[in-house]
Amino acid sequence: MSCKQTTLHRSEILELEMDLTGTCNLRCPLCTRNYAHAGHLLKRNVRSFKEIKEQLDTFTNLEVFYMAGNISEPTLHPEVKEICRYLVDRGVAIELFTNGSTHNPKWWAELGEILSSNDRIYFTICGSTQELHEKYRVGSKLQDILDNHQGFISTNKEGIDHIQHIMFKYNREDYESEAMKSIIARFSKTFNVDTEGQRTFNEYVKSFDKDLIRPEDERKRAIDALFNIKPKPGESSDIEIKCMSLRDRKIYIDQFGQISPCYGHAEYEGPGHFSGEVFDYGEVLSFKFKDCFKCERRIQKLIDVMELDFVC
C-alpha cells in the first residue's frame, strides 16, 4: 500500500472489529458505557446472523475478526455460535474477548467444538477471590467463569484459551499470590492489560473508588504528558495523521452495521461512517476529528517511547 494512499476498497480490508448487541451483563467501572461522550452508542440492537453474514460477505479478503465487544458482551448475541462457524468455515481468524459470565459450561463446550487452532479466546479475571474479582468486574461470578472455561477446554484442546488480567492498584499484589497463580495455570496463555487511562479525562456518569481503580502512577504520568501536548484540529499546519485503520486495513462496525474507521472514531464522533465500495480517509487524514490525535505522528512516537500499549 502506498504511503500516500487515502482510500481503501472493501476488498482491501483485512481486519474487522464488530459489536454485536450494544448491551452487556456486567457493570465495570471504566467501561465505555459509563461515559457521557459515548451515550450515542448505548442502544441495544441485535442483527440476525443472516444480515451480519451478508455484510461480512462483502469483505472478500478478510483475515481477522475481532469479537471484542467495546460496548457489549459478544456471547449475548443469540446466534454468536453461528457467526463463529461461518468465520471458521471462511478461514477468518477469530479474536474473541469475553467476560465469560454468560450461559453455562455446556454452552461453552459447544463453542469449544467450533473454534479452531487459528482462533483466540480471552476470559477476563481480575482477582483470585470473588471479592477482589468483582471489585472491577461488577456483576460477575469468578466461579462461573472458571466453570465455563473448563467447559470450553473440555472440547477445545488447541491451546487457544487466554486469561486476561487487568491490573489495578488493588489487585497488583494478588497477581503474585499462590491462589492467582493456580487460576492462571488453568489457562494455556496469559494476556495482561494495564489500567485504562484516557477515559478519566471525559465526563463520567457513575461513581467508583478512584483511589483503587486508577492507572498506576507511572502510567498516569505518561498519559498526562500525552494529553498536555495533544494537538487540536486546525491548531497547526504540520500535523501528520498516520491513521492506524488505514495502515492496518482494519475497520469497526457497530451493532447497527454502521462502518467507522476505528472504534475510537465511533466512540467519540458518532458521524463520519463509511459506505459504498471505497472508503475515503480524507477527512481523517486532514485531522477533522479530534480523537485522531492518537494517530498523530509525534504522539505515536511518544506512545512507542513510553511503551504504552494503548492510550484509552
C-alpha atoms as a PDB file:
ATOM      1  CA  MET A   1       0.000   0.000   0.000  1.00  0.00           C
ATOM      2  CA  SER A   2       1.373   3.383  -0.979  1.00  0.00           C
ATOM      3  CA  CYS A   3       2.081   5.724   1.940  1.00  0.00           C
ATOM      4  CA  LYS A   4       0.095   8.369   0.049  1.00  0.00           C
ATOM      5  CA  GLN A   5      -2.976   6.176  -0.351  1.00  0.00           C
ATOM      6  CA  THR A   6      -6.072   7.847   1.114  1.00  0.00           C
ATOM      7  CA  THR A   7      -8.760   5.295   0.254  1.00  0.00           C
ATOM      8  CA  LEU A   8      -9.398   1.598   0.774  1.00  0.00           C
ATOM      9  CA  HIS A   9     -11.655  -0.632  -1.270  1.00  0.00           C
ATOM     10  CA  ARG A  10     -13.769  -3.131   0.637  1.00  0.00           C
ATOM     11  CA  SER A  11     -11.679  -5.892  -0.873  1.00  0.00           C
ATOM     12  CA  GLU A  12      -8.561  -4.393   0.764  1.00  0.00           C
ATOM     13  CA  ILE A  13      -9.924  -4.652   4.322  1.00  0.00           C
ATOM     14  CA  LEU A  14      -8.029  -7.369   6.204  1.00  0.00           C
ATOM     15  CA  GLU A  15      -9.244  -6.918   9.784  1.00  0.00           C
ATOM     16  CA  LEU A  16     -12.629  -6.047  11.230  1.00  0.00           C
ATOM     17  CA  GLU A  17     -13.909  -5.359  14.744  1.00  0.00           C
ATOM     18  CA  MET A  18     -17.624  -5.668  15.483  1.00  0.00           C
ATOM     19  CA  ASP A  19     -20.010  -5.004  18.362  1.00  0.00           C
ATOM     20  CA  LEU A  20     -22.869  -7.485  18.182  1.00  0.00           C
ATOM     21  CA  THR A  21     -25.640  -6.283  20.510  1.00  0.00           C
ATOM     22  CA  GLY A  22     -24.850  -2.960  22.199  1.00  0.00           C
ATOM     23  CA  THR A  23     -25.500  -4.404  25.645  1.00  0.00           C
ATOM     24  CA  CYS A  24     -23.620  -6.172  28.457  1.00  0.00           C
ATOM     25  CA  ASN A  25     -24.403  -8.198  31.580  1.00  0.00           C
ATOM     26  CA  LEU A  26     -21.695  -6.529  33.695  1.00  0.00           C
ATOM     27  CA  ARG A  27     -21.148  -3.025  35.088  1.00  0.00           C
ATOM     28  CA  CYS A  28     -17.363  -2.496  35.010  1.00  0.00           C
ATOM     29  CA  PRO A  29     -16.437   0.991  36.328  1.00  0.00           C
ATOM     30  CA  LEU A  30     -14.166   2.109  33.468  1.00  0.00           C
ATOM     31  CA  CYS A  31     -16.284   0.650  30.675  1.00  0.00           C
ATOM     32  CA  THR A  32     -17.171   2.936  27.781  1.00  0.00           C
ATOM     33  CA  ARG A  33     -20.788   2.518  28.816  1.00  0.00           C
ATOM     34  CA  ASN A  34     -20.217   4.807  31.824  1.00  0.00           C
ATOM     35  CA  TYR A  35     -19.099   7.890  29.901  1.00  0.00           C
ATOM     36  CA  ALA A  36     -21.292  10.675  28.564  1.00  0.00           C
ATOM     37  CA  HIS A  37     -19.358  11.072  25.312  1.00  0.00           C
ATOM     38  CA  ALA A  38     -20.288   7.514  24.245  1.00  0.00           C
ATOM     39  CA  GLY A  39     -24.001   7.757  25.023  1.00  0.00           C
ATOM     40  CA  HIS A  40     -24.928   7.667  21.351  1.00  0.00           C
ATOM     41  CA  LEU A  41     -23.600   4.088  21.156  1.00  0.00           C
ATOM     42  CA  LEU A  42     -25.587   2.643  24.048  1.00  0.00           C
ATOM     43  CA  LYS A  43     -28.557   1.326  22.147  1.00  0.00           C
ATOM     44  CA  ARG A  44     -29.456  -2.343  22.062  1.00  0.00           C
ATOM     45  CA  ASN A  45     -29.733  -3.812  18.587  1.00  0.00           C
ATOM     46  CA  VAL A  46     -29.412  -7.461  17.590  1.00  0.00           C
ATOM     47  CA  ARG A  47     -28.995  -8.047  13.872  1.00  0.00           C
ATOM     48  CA  SER A  48     -29.695 -11.523  12.583  1.00  0.00           C
ATOM     49  CA  PHE A  49     -26.892 -13.860  11.600  1.00  0.00           C
ATOM     50  CA  LYS A  50     -28.195 -13.649   8.031  1.00  0.00           C
ATOM     51  CA  GLU A  51     -27.801  -9.858   7.969  1.00  0.00           C
ATOM     52  CA  ILE A  52     -24.338  -9.979   9.559  1.00  0.00           C
ATOM     53  CA  LYS A  53     -23.205 -12.698   7.142  1.00  0.00           C
ATOM     54  CA  GLU A  54     -24.424 -10.720   4.130  1.00  0.00           C
ATOM     55  CA  GLN A  55     -22.374  -7.727   5.269  1.00  0.00           C
ATOM     56  CA  LEU A  56     -19.260  -9.778   6.026  1.00  0.00           C
ATOM     57  CA  ASP A  57     -19.505 -11.471   2.632  1.00  0.00           C
ATOM     58  CA  THR A  58     -18.729  -8.082   1.055  1.00  0.00           C
ATOM     59  CA  PHE A  59     -15.285  -8.089   2.688  1.00  0.00           C
ATOM     60  CA  THR A  60     -13.835 -10.709   0.383  1.00  0.00           C
ATOM     61  CA  ASN A  61     -10.268 -10.747   1.746  1.00  0.00           C
ATOM     62  CA  LEU A  62     -10.999 -10.569   5.465  1.00  0.00           C
ATOM     63  CA  GLU A  63      -8.334 -12.295   7.590  1.00  0.00           C
ATOM     64  CA  VAL A  64      -9.132 -11.435  11.232  1.00  0.00           C
ATOM     65  CA  PHE A  65     -12.432 -10.784  13.009  1.00  0.00           C
ATOM     66  CA  TYR A  66     -12.232  -9.123  16.454  1.00  0.00           C
ATOM     67  CA  MET A  67     -15.293 -10.027  18.509  1.00  0.00           C
ATOM     68  CA  ALA A  68     -14.136  -7.701  21.251  1.00  0.00           C
ATOM     69  CA  GLY A  69     -17.318  -6.075  22.461  1.00  0.00           C
ATOM     70  CA  ASN A  70     -16.248  -2.484  23.114  1.00  0.00           C
ATOM     71  CA  ILE A  71     -19.693  -1.714  24.490  1.00  0.00           C
ATOM     72  CA  SER A  72     -21.203  -5.187  24.591  1.00  0.00           C
ATOM     73  CA  GLU A  73     -20.541  -8.778  25.589  1.00  0.00           C
ATOM     74  CA  PRO A  74     -20.231 -10.788  22.340  1.00  0.00           C
ATOM     75  CA  THR A  75     -21.679 -14.025  23.712  1.00  0.00           C
ATOM     76  CA  LEU A  76     -25.020 -12.314  24.429  1.00  0.00           C
ATOM     77  CA  HIS A  77     -25.803 -12.459  20.710  1.00  0.00           C
ATOM     78  CA  PRO A  78     -28.260 -15.359  20.309  1.00  0.00           C
ATOM     79  CA  GLU A  79     -26.533 -16.573  17.121  1.00  0.00           C
ATOM     80  CA  VAL A  80     -22.916 -15.984  18.081  1.00  0.00           C
ATOM     81  CA  LYS A  81     -22.058 -19.651  17.551  1.00  0.00           C
ATOM     82  CA  GLU A  82     -23.448 -19.472  14.010  1.00  0.00           C
ATOM     83  CA  ILE A  83     -21.311 -16.390  13.382  1.00  0.00           C
ATOM     84  CA  CYS A  84     -18.249 -18.276  14.635  1.00  0.00           C
ATOM     85  CA  ARG A  85     -18.994 -21.304  12.435  1.00  0.00           C
ATOM     86  CA  TYR A  86     -19.287 -19.041   9.411  1.00  0.00           C
ATOM     87  CA  LEU A  87     -15.959 -17.334  10.148  1.00  0.00           C
ATOM     88  CA  VAL A  88     -14.162 -20.632  10.788  1.00  0.00           C
ATOM     89  CA  ASP A  89     -15.527 -22.050   7.532  1.00  0.00           C
ATOM     90  CA  ARG A  90     -14.225 -18.959   5.718  1.00  0.00           C
ATOM     91  CA  GLY A  91     -10.794 -19.334   7.292  1.00  0.00           C
ATOM     92  CA  VAL A  92     -11.091 -15.979   9.083  1.00  0.00           C
ATOM     93  CA  ALA A  93      -9.256 -15.968  12.435  1.00  0.00           C
ATOM     94  CA  ILE A  94     -11.459 -15.071  15.413  1.00  0.00           C
ATOM     95  CA  GLU A  95     -10.225 -12.988  18.354  1.00  0.00           C
ATOM     96  CA  LEU A  96     -12.980 -13.365  20.965  1.00  0.00           C
ATOM     97  CA  PHE A  97     -12.812 -11.297  24.167  1.00  0.00           C
ATOM     98  CA  THR A  98     -15.447 -12.303  26.733  1.00  0.00           C
ATOM     99  CA  ASN A  99     -16.283 -11.752  30.380  1.00  0.00           C
ATOM    100  CA  GLY A 100     -17.026 -15.488  30.489  1.00  0.00           C
ATOM    101  CA  SER A 101     -20.076 -14.944  32.701  1.00  0.00           C
ATOM    102  CA  THR A 102     -22.853 -15.891  30.294  1.00  0.00           C
ATOM    103  CA  HIS A 103     -24.599 -19.221  29.632  1.00  0.00           C
ATOM    104  CA  ASN A 104     -23.296 -22.444  31.209  1.00  0.00           C
ATOM    105  CA  PRO A 105     -20.414 -24.959  30.770  1.00  0.00           C
ATOM    106  CA  LYS A 106     -22.404 -26.998  28.218  1.00  0.00           C
ATOM    107  CA  TRP A 107     -22.841 -23.924  26.021  1.00  0.00           C
ATOM    108  CA  TRP A 108     -19.134 -23.151  26.279  1.00  0.00           C
ATOM    109  CA  ALA A 109     -18.228 -26.746  25.445  1.00  0.00           C
ATOM    110  CA  GLU A 110     -20.256 -26.370  22.240  1.00  0.00           C
ATOM    111  CA  LEU A 111     -18.350 -23.185  21.417  1.00  0.00           C
ATOM    112  CA  GLY A 112     -15.114 -25.060  22.059  1.00  0.00           C
ATOM    113  CA  GLU A 113     -16.050 -27.562  19.366  1.00  0.00           C
ATOM    114  CA  ILE A 114     -16.475 -24.717  16.859  1.00  0.00           C
ATOM    115  CA  LEU A 115     -13.338 -22.603  17.324  1.00  0.00           C
ATOM    116  CA  SER A 116     -10.157 -23.714  15.554  1.00  0.00           C
ATOM    117  CA  SER A 117      -6.425 -23.516  16.152  1.00  0.00           C
ATOM    118  CA  ASN A 118      -6.396 -20.232  14.190  1.00  0.00           C
ATOM    119  CA  ASP A 119      -8.610 -18.551  16.779  1.00  0.00           C
ATOM    120  CA  ARG A 120      -8.031 -16.983  20.185  1.00  0.00           C
ATOM    121  CA  ILE A 121     -10.386 -16.575  23.141  1.00  0.00           C
ATOM    122  CA  TYR A 122      -9.782 -14.364  26.179  1.00  0.00           C
ATOM    123  CA  PHE A 123     -11.549 -14.805  29.556  1.00  0.00           C
ATOM    124  CA  THR A 124     -11.201 -11.801  31.888  1.00  0.00           C
ATOM    125  CA  ILE A 125     -10.401 -12.462  35.559  1.00  0.00           C
ATOM    126  CA  CYS A 126      -9.208  -9.632  37.808  1.00  0.00           C
ATOM    127  CA  GLY A 127      -8.650 -11.319  41.158  1.00  0.00           C
ATOM    128  CA  SER A 128      -8.161 -14.678  42.844  1.00  0.00           C
ATOM    129  CA  THR A 129     -11.206 -14.272  45.124  1.00  0.00           C
ATOM    130  CA  GLN A 130     -14.775 -13.219  44.414  1.00  0.00           C
ATOM    131  CA  GLU A 131     -14.282 -10.071  46.496  1.00  0.00           C
ATOM    132  CA  LEU A 132     -11.238  -8.960  44.503  1.00  0.00           C
ATOM    133  CA  HIS A 133     -12.545 -10.075  41.121  1.00  0.00           C
ATOM    134  CA  GLU A 134     -15.907  -8.291  41.379  1.00  0.00           C
ATOM    135  CA  LYS A 135     -14.384  -5.021  42.577  1.00  0.00           C
ATOM    136  CA  TYR A 136     -13.935  -4.190  38.902  1.00  0.00           C
ATOM    137  CA  ARG A 137     -15.872  -6.983  37.154  1.00  0.00           C
ATOM    138  CA  VAL A 138     -19.127  -5.872  38.785  1.00  0.00           C
ATOM    139  CA  GLY A 139     -21.917  -8.401  38.321  1.00  0.00           C
ATOM    140  CA  SER A 140     -19.567 -11.273  37.513  1.00  0.00           C
ATOM    141  CA  LYS A 141     -19.017 -14.502  39.458  1.00  0.00           C
ATOM    142  CA  LEU A 142     -15.478 -15.845  39.441  1.00  0.00           C
ATOM    143  CA  GLN A 143     -16.567 -19.469  39.834  1.00  0.00           C
ATOM    144  CA  ASP A 144     -18.927 -19.199  36.854  1.00  0.00           C
ATOM    145  CA  ILE A 145     -16.045 -18.046  34.658  1.00  0.00           C
ATOM    146  CA  LEU A 146     -13.819 -20.884  35.846  1.00  0.00           C
ATOM    147  CA  ASP A 147     -16.588 -23.420  35.233  1.00  0.00           C
ATOM    148  CA  ASN A 148     -17.341 -22.013  31.774  1.00  0.00           C
ATOM    149  CA  HIS A 149     -13.669 -22.017  30.877  1.00  0.00           C
ATOM    150  CA  GLN A 150     -13.449 -25.637  31.975  1.00  0.00           C
ATOM    151  CA  GLY A 151     -16.393 -26.417  29.713  1.00  0.00           C
ATOM    152  CA  PHE A 152     -14.645 -24.717  26.801  1.00  0.00           C
ATOM    153  CA  ILE A 153     -11.346 -26.567  27.159  1.00  0.00           C
ATOM    154  CA  SER A 154     -13.146 -29.888  27.660  1.00  0.00           C
ATOM    155  CA  THR A 155     -13.826 -29.862  23.905  1.00  0.00           C
ATOM    156  CA  ASN A 156     -11.159 -27.488  22.593  1.00  0.00           C
ATOM    157  CA  LYS A 157      -7.613 -28.798  23.053  1.00  0.00           C
ATOM    158  CA  GLU A 158      -5.954 -26.289  20.722  1.00  0.00           C
ATOM    159  CA  GLY A 159      -4.432 -24.147  23.483  1.00  0.00           C
ATOM    160  CA  ILE A 160      -6.209 -21.016  22.268  1.00  0.00           C
ATOM    161  CA  ASP A 161      -7.656 -20.059  25.679  1.00  0.00           C
ATOM    162  CA  HIS A 162      -6.172 -16.998  27.417  1.00  0.00           C
ATOM    163  CA  ILE A 163      -6.731 -15.469  30.820  1.00  0.00           C
ATOM    164  CA  GLN A 164      -6.922 -11.683  30.514  1.00  0.00           C
ATOM    165  CA  HIS A 165      -5.972  -9.825  33.676  1.00  0.00           C
ATOM    166  CA  ILE A 166      -6.488  -6.068  34.068  1.00  0.00           C
ATOM    167  CA  MET A 167      -4.029  -4.593  36.538  1.00  0.00           C
ATOM    168  CA  PHE A 168      -5.132  -2.050  39.144  1.00  0.00           C
ATOM    169  CA  LYS A 169      -3.705  -0.725  42.383  1.00  0.00           C
ATOM    170  CA  TYR A 170      -5.915  -3.033  44.474  1.00  0.00           C
ATOM    171  CA  ASN A 171      -5.050  -6.308  42.709  1.00  0.00           C
ATOM    172  CA  ARG A 172      -1.359  -5.884  41.917  1.00  0.00           C
ATOM    173  CA  GLU A 173      -0.137  -7.880  44.930  1.00  0.00           C
ATOM    174  CA  ASP A 174      -2.820 -10.528  44.426  1.00  0.00           C
ATOM    175  CA  TYR A 175      -1.475 -11.227  40.948  1.00  0.00           C
ATOM    176  CA  GLU A 176       1.637 -12.738  42.543  1.00  0.00           C
ATOM    177  CA  SER A 177      -0.309 -14.816  45.070  1.00  0.00           C
ATOM    178  CA  GLU A 178      -0.381 -18.612  45.004  1.00  0.00           C
ATOM    179  CA  ALA A 179      -4.153 -18.532  44.556  1.00  0.00           C
ATOM    180  CA  MET A 180      -3.869 -16.385  41.426  1.00  0.00           C
ATOM    181  CA  LYS A 181      -1.016 -18.500  40.085  1.00  0.00           C
ATOM    182  CA  SER A 182      -3.264 -21.538  40.473  1.00  0.00           C
ATOM    183  CA  ILE A 183      -6.005 -19.848  38.429  1.00  0.00           C
ATOM    184  CA  ILE A 184      -3.551 -18.729  35.746  1.00  0.00           C
ATOM    185  CA  ALA A 185      -2.271 -22.310  35.464  1.00  0.00           C
ATOM    186  CA  ARG A 186      -5.728 -23.402  34.281  1.00  0.00           C
ATOM    187  CA  PHE A 187      -5.263 -21.415  31.071  1.00  0.00           C
ATOM    188  CA  SER A 188      -2.979 -22.028  28.113  1.00  0.00           C
ATOM    189  CA  LYS A 189      -1.774 -18.419  27.880  1.00  0.00           C
ATOM    190  CA  THR A 190      -1.922 -15.107  29.725  1.00  0.00           C
ATOM    191  CA  PHE A 191      -2.762 -11.649  28.412  1.00  0.00           C
ATOM    192  CA  ASN A 192      -2.158  -8.770  30.826  1.00  0.00           C
ATOM    193  CA  VAL A 193      -3.622  -5.295  30.396  1.00  0.00           C
ATOM    194  CA  ASP A 194      -2.557  -2.136  32.207  1.00  0.00           C
ATOM    195  CA  THR A 195      -5.269   0.032  33.736  1.00  0.00           C
ATOM    196  CA  GLU A 196      -7.025   2.195  31.190  1.00  0.00           C
ATOM    197  CA  GLY A 197      -6.437   5.908  31.485  1.00  0.00           C
ATOM    198  CA  GLN A 198      -7.751   8.110  28.733  1.00  0.00           C
ATOM    199  CA  ARG A 199     -11.412   7.930  29.628  1.00  0.00           C
ATOM    200  CA  THR A 200     -10.726   9.514  33.025  1.00  0.00           C
ATOM    201  CA  PHE A 201     -10.407  12.760  31.064  1.00  0.00           C
ATOM    202  CA  ASN A 202     -14.024  12.591  29.921  1.00  0.00           C
ATOM    203  CA  GLU A 203     -17.348  13.194  31.665  1.00  0.00           C
ATOM    204  CA  TYR A 204     -18.093  10.196  33.865  1.00  0.00           C
ATOM    205  CA  VAL A 205     -21.719   9.434  34.726  1.00  0.00           C
ATOM    206  CA  LYS A 206     -21.238   6.966  37.609  1.00  0.00           C
ATOM    207  CA  SER A 207     -19.077   6.809  40.739  1.00  0.00           C
ATOM    208  CA  PHE A 208     -16.282   4.435  41.718  1.00  0.00           C
ATOM    209  CA  ASP A 209     -13.330   4.272  44.090  1.00  0.00           C
ATOM    210  CA  LYS A 210     -10.773   6.366  42.214  1.00  0.00           C
ATOM    211  CA  ASP A 211      -8.097   5.628  44.819  1.00  0.00           C
ATOM    212  CA  LEU A 212      -8.159   1.960  43.847  1.00  0.00           C
ATOM    213  CA  ILE A 213      -9.387   1.795  40.265  1.00  0.00           C
ATOM    214  CA  ARG A 214      -6.986   4.160  38.552  1.00  0.00           C
ATOM    215  CA  PRO A 215      -3.893   3.997  36.344  1.00  0.00           C
ATOM    216  CA  GLU A 216      -0.642   3.153  38.101  1.00  0.00           C
ATOM    217  CA  ASP A 217       1.352   6.310  38.896  1.00  0.00           C
ATOM    218  CA  GLU A 218       3.971   5.855  36.177  1.00  0.00           C
ATOM    219  CA  ARG A 219       1.350   5.127  33.531  1.00  0.00           C
ATOM    220  CA  LYS A 220      -0.790   8.087  34.617  1.00  0.00           C
ATOM    221  CA  ARG A 221       2.193  10.450  34.283  1.00  0.00           C
ATOM    222  CA  ALA A 222       2.795   9.211  30.736  1.00  0.00           C
ATOM    223  CA  ILE A 223      -0.855   9.607  29.759  1.00  0.00           C
ATOM    224  CA  ASP A 224      -0.984  13.090  31.347  1.00  0.00           C
ATOM    225  CA  ALA A 225       2.052  14.077  29.279  1.00  0.00           C
ATOM    226  CA  LEU A 226       0.361  12.979  26.058  1.00  0.00           C
ATOM    227  CA  PHE A 227      -2.792  14.930  26.837  1.00  0.00           C
ATOM    228  CA  ASN A 228      -0.816  18.039  27.743  1.00  0.00           C
ATOM    229  CA  ILE A 229       0.712  18.180  24.265  1.00  0.00           C
ATOM    230  CA  LYS A 230      -2.091  16.677  22.185  1.00  0.00           C
ATOM    231  CA  PRO A 231      -2.789  18.701  19.041  1.00  0.00           C
ATOM    232  CA  LYS A 232      -6.219  20.078  18.201  1.00  0.00           C
ATOM    233  CA  PRO A 233      -7.820  20.161  14.753  1.00  0.00           C
ATOM    234  CA  GLY A 234      -6.728  23.291  12.907  1.00  0.00           C
ATOM    235  CA  GLU A 235      -4.074  24.100  15.511  1.00  0.00           C
ATOM    236  CA  SER A 236      -1.043  23.609  13.302  1.00  0.00           C
ATOM    237  CA  SER A 237      -0.286  23.039   9.656  1.00  0.00           C
ATOM    238  CA  ASP A 238       2.424  20.442  10.356  1.00  0.00           C
ATOM    239  CA  ILE A 239       0.124  17.871  11.970  1.00  0.00           C
ATOM    240  CA  GLU A 240       0.513  14.490  10.303  1.00  0.00           C
ATOM    241  CA  ILE A 241      -2.078  11.804  10.968  1.00  0.00           C
ATOM    242  CA  LYS A 242      -0.703   8.302  10.464  1.00  0.00           C
ATOM    243  CA  CYS A 243      -4.065   6.531  10.633  1.00  0.00           C
ATOM    244  CA  MET A 244      -3.734   3.002  12.030  1.00  0.00           C
ATOM    245  CA  SER A 245      -7.020   1.977  10.451  1.00  0.00           C
ATOM    246  CA  LEU A 246      -5.658   2.852   7.016  1.00  0.00           C
ATOM    247  CA  ARG A 247      -2.252   1.360   7.804  1.00  0.00           C
ATOM    248  CA  ASP A 248      -3.607  -1.943   9.129  1.00  0.00           C
ATOM    249  CA  ARG A 249      -6.614  -2.068   6.783  1.00  0.00           C
ATOM    250  CA  LYS A 250      -8.851  -2.520   9.792  1.00  0.00           C
ATOM    251  CA  ILE A 251     -12.322  -1.053  10.360  1.00  0.00           C
ATOM    252  CA  TYR A 252     -15.007  -1.114  13.064  1.00  0.00           C
ATOM    253  CA  ILE A 253     -18.702  -1.995  12.674  1.00  0.00           C
ATOM    254  CA  ASP A 254     -21.278  -1.197  15.369  1.00  0.00           C
ATOM    255  CA  GLN A 255     -24.380  -3.213  16.300  1.00  0.00           C
ATOM    256  CA  PHE A 256     -26.401  -1.407  13.617  1.00  0.00           C
ATOM    257  CA  GLY A 257     -23.968  -2.331  10.852  1.00  0.00           C
ATOM    258  CA  GLN A 258     -22.512   1.182  10.528  1.00  0.00           C
ATOM    259  CA  ILE A 259     -18.865   1.208   9.441  1.00  0.00           C
ATOM    260  CA  SER A 260     -16.291   3.542  11.035  1.00  0.00           C
ATOM    261  CA  PRO A 261     -12.518   3.841  10.534  1.00  0.00           C
ATOM    262  CA  CYS A 262     -11.975   2.604  14.091  1.00  0.00           C
ATOM    263  CA  TYR A 263     -13.742   2.163  17.412  1.00  0.00           C
ATOM    264  CA  GLY A 264     -12.243   5.389  18.790  1.00  0.00           C
ATOM    265  CA  HIS A 265     -13.862   7.350  15.981  1.00  0.00           C
ATOM    266  CA  ALA A 266     -17.239   5.702  16.589  1.00  0.00           C
ATOM    267  CA  GLU A 267     -16.978   6.281  20.351  1.00  0.00           C
ATOM    268  CA  TYR A 268     -16.148   9.974  20.246  1.00  0.00           C
ATOM    269  CA  GLU A 269     -17.517  11.271  16.971  1.00  0.00           C
ATOM    270  CA  GLY A 270     -20.557   9.272  16.013  1.00  0.00           C
ATOM    271  CA  PRO A 271     -20.938  10.581  12.426  1.00  0.00           C
ATOM    272  CA  GLY A 272     -18.498  10.030   9.591  1.00  0.00           C
ATOM    273  CA  HIS A 273     -19.359   6.455   8.637  1.00  0.00           C
ATOM    274  CA  PHE A 274     -18.056   4.604   5.594  1.00  0.00           C
ATOM    275  CA  SER A 275     -20.354   3.232   2.911  1.00  0.00           C
ATOM    276  CA  GLY A 276     -20.112   2.056  -0.669  1.00  0.00           C
ATOM    277  CA  GLU A 277     -17.221   0.118  -2.137  1.00  0.00           C
ATOM    278  CA  VAL A 278     -14.485   2.698  -1.481  1.00  0.00           C
ATOM    279  CA  PHE A 279     -13.709   4.062   1.991  1.00  0.00           C
ATOM    280  CA  ASP A 280     -12.317   7.608   1.849  1.00  0.00           C
ATOM    281  CA  TYR A 281      -9.941   8.550   4.713  1.00  0.00           C
ATOM    282  CA  GLY A 282      -9.566  12.146   3.517  1.00  0.00           C
ATOM    283  CA  GLU A 283     -11.326  13.751   6.500  1.00  0.00           C
ATOM    284  CA  VAL A 284      -9.410  11.529   8.946  1.00  0.00           C
ATOM    285  CA  LEU A 285      -6.031  12.359   7.413  1.00  0.00           C
ATOM    286  CA  SER A 286      -6.839  16.082   7.394  1.00  0.00           C
ATOM    287  CA  PHE A 287      -7.440  15.837  11.170  1.00  0.00           C
ATOM    288  CA  LYS A 288     -11.099  16.789  11.079  1.00  0.00           C
ATOM    289  CA  PHE A 289     -11.850  14.567  14.070  1.00  0.00           C
ATOM    290  CA  LYS A 290     -10.294  15.499  17.410  1.00  0.00           C
ATOM    291  CA  ASP A 291      -9.761  11.968  18.696  1.00  0.00           C
ATOM    292  CA  CYS A 292      -7.495  11.160  15.762  1.00  0.00           C
ATOM    293  CA  PHE A 293      -4.730  12.851  17.761  1.00  0.00           C
ATOM    294  CA  LYS A 294      -3.709   9.359  18.935  1.00  0.00           C
ATOM    295  CA  CYS A 295      -2.631   8.637  15.371  1.00  0.00           C
ATOM    296  CA  GLU A 296      -0.675  11.891  15.033  1.00  0.00           C
ATOM    297  CA  ARG A 297       2.939  11.187  14.053  1.00  0.00           C
ATOM    298  CA  ARG A 298       4.583  12.733  17.137  1.00  0.00           C
ATOM    299  CA  ILE A 299       2.039  11.295  19.568  1.00  0.00           C
ATOM    300  CA  GLN A 300       2.585   7.831  18.097  1.00  0.00           C
ATOM    301  CA  LYS A 301       6.331   8.228  18.561  1.00  0.00           C
ATOM    302  CA  LEU A 302       5.842   9.149  22.218  1.00  0.00           C
ATOM    303  CA  ILE A 303       3.477   6.224  22.792  1.00  0.00           C
ATOM    304  CA  ASP A 304       6.224   3.933  21.490  1.00  0.00           C
ATOM    305  CA  VAL A 305       8.940   5.577  23.611  1.00  0.00           C
ATOM    306  CA  MET A 306       6.779   5.400  26.739  1.00  0.00           C
ATOM    307  CA  GLU A 307       5.911   1.771  25.934  1.00  0.00           C
ATOM    308  CA  LEU A 308       2.183   2.413  26.238  1.00  0.00           C
ATOM    309  CA  ASP A 309       0.325  -0.485  24.654  1.00  0.00           C
ATOM    310  CA  PHE A 310      -2.668   1.777  24.108  1.00  0.00           C
ATOM    311  CA  VAL A 311      -3.883   5.134  25.364  1.00  0.00           C
ATOM    312  CA  CYS A 312      -7.558   4.508  26.033  1.00  0.00           C
END
